Each structure stands twice: as C-alpha cells, then as structure tokens.
Amino acid sequence: MRNVQLKQDTNKNVTLIDSMVWYDFNRSHGILFPEGEYVLEAEDDDYYYFTAPSSLEFRTFQDR
C-alpha cells in the first residue's frame, strides 16, 4: 500500500501512437498497453500513476 496524492498536470501525460507489449524475462507472459493518451492520476515520492485510455491486456504465451 502506498500513500499517493491525486494530481492533474497536462504536461505529464503520455501518448502511445501504437500499442506496446512488455514481456517478462522468458517471454512467456506479457502486458499490452493500448494506444492512446495516458492521463496522470496521482503521484508519490517515487512514481507517477497514469490512467490508461482503455483496459490493459495480460497475456500468457505457450509454445505450440
């Protein structure tokens, strides 16, 4: 659990022009970040927290 402060700062938004997948070390799991604007929602001393434009997708990849 972390204590955060709600924030709104249009200079700290992030826009992905295309969707992006981040994989784990073995490339067996991934998370898909959809394209669009990620709006700053909160921050603490270490991190910024953004709201995604739509749901993130968690994926498991299997050898076939």
N, C-alpha and C. Protein backbone atom coordinates (compact mmCIF):
# COMPACT_ATOMS: atom_id res chain seq x y z
N MET A 1 0.84 -1.17 0.00
CA MET A 1 0.00 0.00 0.00
C MET A 1 0.90 1.24 0.00
N ARG A 2 0.54 2.22 -0.83
CA ARG A 2 1.33 3.45 -0.94
C ARG A 2 0.41 4.64 -0.74
N ASN A 3 0.94 5.68 -0.13
CA ASN A 3 0.20 6.94 0.00
C ASN A 3 0.50 7.80 -1.21
N VAL A 4 -0.55 8.17 -1.94
CA VAL A 4 -0.37 8.98 -3.15
C VAL A 4 -1.18 10.26 -3.02
N GLN A 5 -0.78 11.24 -3.83
CA GLN A 5 -1.53 12.48 -3.93
C GLN A 5 -2.16 12.55 -5.31
N LEU A 6 -3.46 12.83 -5.36
CA LEU A 6 -4.13 12.98 -6.64
C LEU A 6 -3.55 14.19 -7.35
N LYS A 7 -3.30 14.05 -8.66
CA LYS A 7 -2.70 15.12 -9.45
C LYS A 7 -3.36 15.21 -10.80
N GLN A 8 -3.37 16.39 -11.34
CA GLN A 8 -3.75 16.62 -12.73
C GLN A 8 -2.75 17.62 -13.28
N ASP A 9 -1.94 17.17 -14.23
CA ASP A 9 -0.93 18.02 -14.84
C ASP A 9 -0.82 17.60 -16.30
N THR A 10 -1.37 18.40 -17.20
CA THR A 10 -1.39 18.04 -18.63
C THR A 10 0.01 17.93 -19.22
N ASN A 11 1.03 18.47 -18.56
CA ASN A 11 2.40 18.34 -19.04
C ASN A 11 3.00 16.97 -18.74
N LYS A 12 2.34 16.16 -17.92
CA LYS A 12 2.86 14.85 -17.54
C LYS A 12 2.04 13.70 -18.13
N ASN A 13 1.24 13.95 -19.14
CA ASN A 13 0.52 12.89 -19.83
C ASN A 13 1.44 12.21 -20.83
N VAL A 14 1.13 10.95 -21.16
CA VAL A 14 1.91 10.18 -22.12
C VAL A 14 0.98 9.70 -23.22
N THR A 15 1.41 9.82 -24.48
CA THR A 15 0.61 9.34 -25.60
C THR A 15 1.38 8.25 -26.33
N LEU A 16 0.75 7.08 -26.47
CA LEU A 16 1.31 6.00 -27.28
C LEU A 16 0.64 6.06 -28.64
N ILE A 17 1.43 6.20 -29.69
CA ILE A 17 0.91 6.27 -31.05
C ILE A 17 0.46 4.89 -31.52
N ASP A 18 1.10 3.85 -31.00
CA ASP A 18 0.75 2.46 -31.33
C ASP A 18 0.76 1.66 -30.03
N SER A 19 0.03 0.57 -29.99
CA SER A 19 0.03 -0.26 -28.78
C SER A 19 1.42 -0.86 -28.58
N MET A 20 1.71 -1.28 -27.34
CA MET A 20 3.03 -1.78 -26.99
C MET A 20 2.86 -2.96 -26.04
N VAL A 21 3.68 -4.01 -26.23
CA VAL A 21 3.66 -5.17 -25.35
C VAL A 21 4.98 -5.24 -24.60
N TRP A 22 4.92 -5.39 -23.28
CA TRP A 22 6.10 -5.62 -22.45
C TRP A 22 6.06 -7.08 -22.01
N TYR A 23 7.17 -7.79 -22.20
CA TYR A 23 7.27 -9.21 -21.88
C TYR A 23 8.08 -9.42 -20.60
N ASP A 24 7.83 -10.58 -19.95
CA ASP A 24 8.69 -10.96 -18.82
C ASP A 24 10.00 -11.51 -19.38
N PHE A 25 10.91 -11.89 -18.49
CA PHE A 25 12.24 -12.34 -18.89
C PHE A 25 12.19 -13.50 -19.88
N ASN A 26 11.28 -14.45 -19.67
CA ASN A 26 11.18 -15.64 -20.52
C ASN A 26 10.27 -15.46 -21.73
N ARG A 27 9.69 -14.29 -21.86
CA ARG A 27 8.73 -14.00 -22.92
C ARG A 27 7.54 -14.96 -22.90
N SER A 28 7.17 -15.45 -21.71
CA SER A 28 6.02 -16.33 -21.58
C SER A 28 4.77 -15.57 -21.13
N HIS A 29 4.95 -14.38 -20.62
CA HIS A 29 3.85 -13.52 -20.19
C HIS A 29 4.10 -12.11 -20.71
N GLY A 30 3.02 -11.41 -20.97
CA GLY A 30 3.15 -10.04 -21.45
C GLY A 30 1.97 -9.20 -21.03
N ILE A 31 2.16 -7.90 -21.13
CA ILE A 31 1.08 -6.95 -20.86
C ILE A 31 1.02 -5.99 -22.04
N LEU A 32 -0.17 -5.85 -22.60
CA LEU A 32 -0.37 -4.98 -23.75
C LEU A 32 -0.92 -3.64 -23.28
N PHE A 33 -0.20 -2.59 -23.62
CA PHE A 33 -0.65 -1.22 -23.35
C PHE A 33 -1.29 -0.69 -24.63
N PRO A 34 -2.59 -0.36 -24.61
CA PRO A 34 -3.25 0.10 -25.84
C PRO A 34 -2.79 1.50 -26.24
N GLU A 35 -2.91 1.79 -27.51
CA GLU A 35 -2.56 3.14 -27.98
C GLU A 35 -3.51 4.16 -27.37
N GLY A 36 -3.05 5.39 -27.29
CA GLY A 36 -3.89 6.47 -26.78
C GLY A 36 -3.17 7.30 -25.73
N GLU A 37 -3.91 8.16 -25.08
CA GLU A 37 -3.35 9.08 -24.09
C GLU A 37 -3.51 8.52 -22.68
N TYR A 38 -2.41 8.46 -21.95
CA TYR A 38 -2.37 8.03 -20.55
C TYR A 38 -2.30 9.30 -19.70
N VAL A 39 -3.33 9.50 -18.88
CA VAL A 39 -3.50 10.74 -18.14
C VAL A 39 -2.99 10.56 -16.71
N LEU A 40 -2.18 11.50 -16.25
CA LEU A 40 -1.67 11.46 -14.88
C LEU A 40 -2.83 11.51 -13.90
N GLU A 41 -2.85 10.55 -12.96
CA GLU A 41 -3.92 10.47 -11.97
C GLU A 41 -3.41 10.78 -10.57
N ALA A 42 -2.18 10.32 -10.26
CA ALA A 42 -1.64 10.51 -8.91
C ALA A 42 -0.13 10.39 -8.97
N GLU A 43 0.53 10.75 -7.85
CA GLU A 43 1.97 10.57 -7.73
C GLU A 43 2.34 10.43 -6.26
N ASP A 44 3.52 9.84 -6.04
CA ASP A 44 4.10 9.81 -4.70
C ASP A 44 5.56 10.21 -4.86
N ASP A 45 6.38 10.00 -3.84
CA ASP A 45 7.78 10.43 -3.90
C ASP A 45 8.60 9.67 -4.94
N ASP A 46 8.12 8.49 -5.36
CA ASP A 46 8.89 7.65 -6.28
C ASP A 46 8.28 7.46 -7.66
N TYR A 47 6.96 7.55 -7.78
CA TYR A 47 6.30 7.16 -9.02
C TYR A 47 5.20 8.12 -9.43
N TYR A 48 4.89 8.08 -10.75
CA TYR A 48 3.69 8.71 -11.30
C TYR A 48 2.71 7.57 -11.61
N TYR A 49 1.42 7.81 -11.48
CA TYR A 49 0.38 6.82 -11.76
C TYR A 49 -0.55 7.38 -12.83
N PHE A 50 -0.70 6.63 -13.92
CA PHE A 50 -1.48 7.08 -15.06
C PHE A 50 -2.73 6.22 -15.24
N THR A 51 -3.76 6.81 -15.81
CA THR A 51 -4.96 6.09 -16.21
C THR A 51 -4.84 5.78 -17.69
N ALA A 52 -5.05 4.51 -18.05
CA ALA A 52 -4.95 4.08 -19.44
C ALA A 52 -6.22 4.48 -20.20
N PRO A 53 -6.11 4.67 -21.53
CA PRO A 53 -7.28 5.04 -22.32
C PRO A 53 -8.32 3.92 -22.42
N SER A 54 -7.88 2.67 -22.25
CA SER A 54 -8.78 1.51 -22.21
C SER A 54 -8.06 0.42 -21.41
N SER A 55 -8.71 -0.70 -21.21
CA SER A 55 -8.16 -1.76 -20.36
C SER A 55 -6.85 -2.31 -20.90
N LEU A 56 -5.92 -2.59 -19.98
CA LEU A 56 -4.69 -3.29 -20.33
C LEU A 56 -5.02 -4.76 -20.52
N GLU A 57 -4.23 -5.45 -21.36
CA GLU A 57 -4.45 -6.88 -21.59
C GLU A 57 -3.26 -7.66 -21.07
N PHE A 58 -3.52 -8.65 -20.21
CA PHE A 58 -2.49 -9.53 -19.70
C PHE A 58 -2.54 -10.81 -20.52
N ARG A 59 -1.36 -11.27 -20.99
CA ARG A 59 -1.34 -12.43 -21.88
C ARG A 59 -0.33 -13.47 -21.41
N THR A 60 -0.66 -14.73 -21.67
CA THR A 60 0.25 -15.84 -21.43
C THR A 60 0.51 -16.49 -22.78
N PHE A 61 1.80 -16.69 -23.12
CA PHE A 61 2.18 -17.28 -24.41
C PHE A 61 2.65 -18.70 -24.18
N GLN A 62 2.22 -19.61 -25.05
CA GLN A 62 2.57 -21.01 -24.94
C GLN A 62 3.20 -21.48 -26.25
N ASP A 63 4.19 -22.39 -26.14
CA ASP A 63 4.76 -23.00 -27.35
C ASP A 63 3.74 -23.92 -27.98
N ARG A 64 3.69 -23.95 -29.29
CA ARG A 64 2.75 -24.83 -29.99
C ARG A 64 3.50 -25.80 -30.84
